[in-house]
Amino acid sequence: MGITHPSASVLRGRDDRYRPFIHYTLMAAPPDLLHRLGFQARKGYVHPDARGRLTLGSAAKDADYRVLVNERGQILLDPVVAIPASEAWLWENPALRASMERALSQAEAGEFEDLGSFAQFTDADE
């Protein structure tokens, strides 16, 4: 467990007056750790409303997220994409996923044979 370090800040209240407050953070890692991991501050301090909601604004715009919480109460929002049900079979079968990943790696490395066009095997109506 790290040490507790107080930092003075200013918080704007609902009545538009500024009031100082002290916040404490656990210093369990070097101060630049988040920066080294590719994180940057996008929003100052946020406080949940009465229903426990946080407003993130444009930092979380137009995306869906998986919410992860660690034992310290830190919250990580991990962007996710929806997979159509018709394609879920690939993601649900580890052997098929491994085969697809191998094929993509081989294609990226140029390890394939070009068999030409398959247009002659399609229906002209499509």
Protein backbone atom coordinates (compact mmCIF):
# COMPACT_ATOMS: atom_id res chain seq x y z
CA MET A 1 0.00 0.00 0.00
CA GLY A 2 1.31 3.46 -0.81
CA ILE A 3 1.53 6.62 1.22
CA THR A 4 -1.21 9.22 1.46
CA HIS A 5 -0.41 12.57 -0.11
CA PRO A 6 -2.66 15.63 0.38
CA SER A 7 -3.14 18.09 -2.48
CA ALA A 8 -5.01 21.39 -2.24
CA SER A 9 -7.51 22.13 -5.00
CA VAL A 10 -10.45 24.40 -5.69
CA LEU A 11 -13.93 23.11 -6.42
CA ARG A 12 -16.70 25.20 -7.93
CA GLY A 13 -19.91 24.65 -6.00
CA ARG A 14 -23.49 24.71 -7.27
CA ASP A 15 -23.84 28.32 -6.12
CA ASP A 16 -20.89 29.34 -8.39
CA ARG A 17 -18.66 30.23 -5.43
CA TYR A 18 -15.25 28.64 -5.24
CA ARG A 19 -14.36 26.71 -2.13
CA PRO A 20 -11.05 25.01 -1.37
CA PHE A 21 -10.92 21.35 -0.50
CA ILE A 22 -8.23 18.80 0.21
CA HIS A 23 -8.16 15.53 -1.64
CA TYR A 24 -6.00 12.55 -0.82
CA THR A 25 -4.59 10.07 -3.28
CA LEU A 26 -2.74 6.84 -2.67
CA MET A 27 0.73 7.10 -4.14
CA ALA A 28 1.31 3.45 -5.07
CA ALA A 29 3.31 4.12 -8.23
CA PRO A 30 5.62 6.80 -9.62
CA PRO A 31 3.69 10.01 -10.46
CA ASP A 32 4.34 9.63 -14.19
CA LEU A 33 3.04 6.03 -14.36
CA LEU A 34 -0.31 6.94 -15.94
CA HIS A 35 1.47 9.11 -18.49
CA ARG A 36 3.89 6.29 -19.31
CA LEU A 37 0.91 3.98 -19.82
CA GLY A 38 -0.52 6.40 -22.38
CA PHE A 39 -3.14 8.09 -20.18
CA GLN A 40 -3.68 11.82 -20.10
CA ALA A 41 -6.03 13.93 -18.02
CA ARG A 42 -9.12 14.75 -20.10
CA LYS A 43 -11.31 16.13 -17.36
CA GLY A 44 -10.70 17.54 -13.89
CA TYR A 45 -12.32 16.12 -10.81
CA VAL A 46 -15.82 14.78 -11.20
CA HIS A 47 -18.33 14.01 -8.47
CA PRO A 48 -21.20 11.55 -8.88
CA ASP A 49 -24.73 12.92 -8.69
CA ALA A 50 -27.34 11.57 -6.26
CA ARG A 51 -27.88 8.52 -8.50
CA GLY A 52 -24.16 7.69 -8.74
CA ARG A 53 -23.69 8.98 -12.30
CA LEU A 54 -20.54 10.71 -13.54
CA THR A 55 -20.58 13.11 -16.47
CA LEU A 56 -17.59 12.64 -18.75
CA GLY A 57 -18.61 14.87 -21.65
CA SER A 58 -16.61 14.58 -24.86
CA ALA A 59 -14.04 12.29 -23.19
CA ALA A 60 -16.51 9.41 -23.65
CA LYS A 61 -18.49 10.63 -26.66
CA ASP A 62 -20.00 8.24 -29.22
CA ALA A 63 -18.75 4.96 -27.76
CA ASP A 64 -19.83 2.01 -25.65
CA TYR A 65 -17.71 0.97 -22.70
CA ARG A 66 -17.06 -1.98 -20.43
CA VAL A 67 -16.61 -0.70 -16.86
CA LEU A 68 -13.80 -2.27 -14.83
CA VAL A 69 -13.16 -1.51 -11.15
CA ASN A 70 -10.08 -2.63 -9.20
CA GLU A 71 -9.65 -3.22 -5.46
CA ARG A 72 -8.67 0.45 -4.94
CA GLY A 73 -11.93 1.67 -6.46
CA GLN A 74 -10.23 2.96 -9.61
CA ILE A 75 -12.52 2.83 -12.62
CA LEU A 76 -11.34 1.99 -16.12
CA LEU A 77 -13.59 2.51 -19.12
CA ASP A 78 -12.63 0.05 -21.87
CA PRO A 79 -14.13 0.89 -25.29
CA VAL A 80 -16.02 -2.02 -26.85
CA VAL A 81 -17.71 -2.67 -30.16
CA ALA A 82 -20.80 -4.75 -30.77
CA ILE A 83 -20.43 -7.92 -32.80
CA PRO A 84 -23.38 -8.92 -34.96
CA ALA A 85 -25.06 -12.14 -33.80
CA SER A 86 -24.40 -13.64 -37.24
CA GLU A 87 -20.62 -13.29 -36.60
CA ALA A 88 -20.60 -14.28 -32.92
CA TRP A 89 -19.84 -17.91 -33.79
CA LEU A 90 -16.27 -16.92 -34.72
CA TRP A 91 -15.65 -15.21 -31.38
CA GLU A 92 -17.29 -17.99 -29.37
CA ASN A 93 -15.11 -20.76 -30.86
CA PRO A 94 -11.44 -20.51 -29.72
CA ALA A 95 -10.20 -22.91 -32.42
CA LEU A 96 -11.84 -20.90 -35.21
CA ARG A 97 -10.51 -17.64 -33.76
CA ALA A 98 -6.98 -19.07 -33.62
CA SER A 99 -7.31 -20.23 -37.23
CA MET A 100 -8.53 -16.78 -38.33
CA GLU A 101 -5.72 -15.05 -36.45
CA ARG A 102 -3.17 -17.38 -38.11
CA ALA A 103 -4.65 -16.63 -41.53
CA LEU A 104 -4.53 -12.88 -40.93
CA SER A 105 -0.91 -13.09 -39.72
CA GLN A 106 0.05 -15.12 -42.78
CA ALA A 107 -1.67 -12.66 -45.12
CA GLU A 108 0.06 -9.72 -43.41
CA ALA A 109 3.44 -11.47 -43.83
CA GLY A 110 2.73 -12.14 -47.53
CA GLU A 111 2.49 -15.90 -47.00
CA PHE A 112 -0.37 -16.60 -49.41
CA GLU A 113 -1.02 -17.65 -52.97
CA ASP A 114 -3.15 -15.38 -55.17
CA LEU A 115 -5.76 -17.57 -56.87
CA GLY A 116 -7.15 -14.73 -58.96
CA SER A 117 -10.72 -13.54 -59.21
CA PHE A 118 -13.67 -15.63 -58.12
CA ALA A 119 -16.17 -13.37 -59.89
CA GLN A 120 -17.19 -16.16 -62.27
CA PHE A 121 -18.67 -18.08 -59.32
CA THR A 122 -21.02 -15.32 -58.17
CA ASP A 123 -24.59 -14.72 -59.28
CA ALA A 124 -24.88 -11.77 -61.67
CA ASP A 125 -28.05 -10.61 -59.83
CA GLU A 126 -26.20 -9.83 -56.60
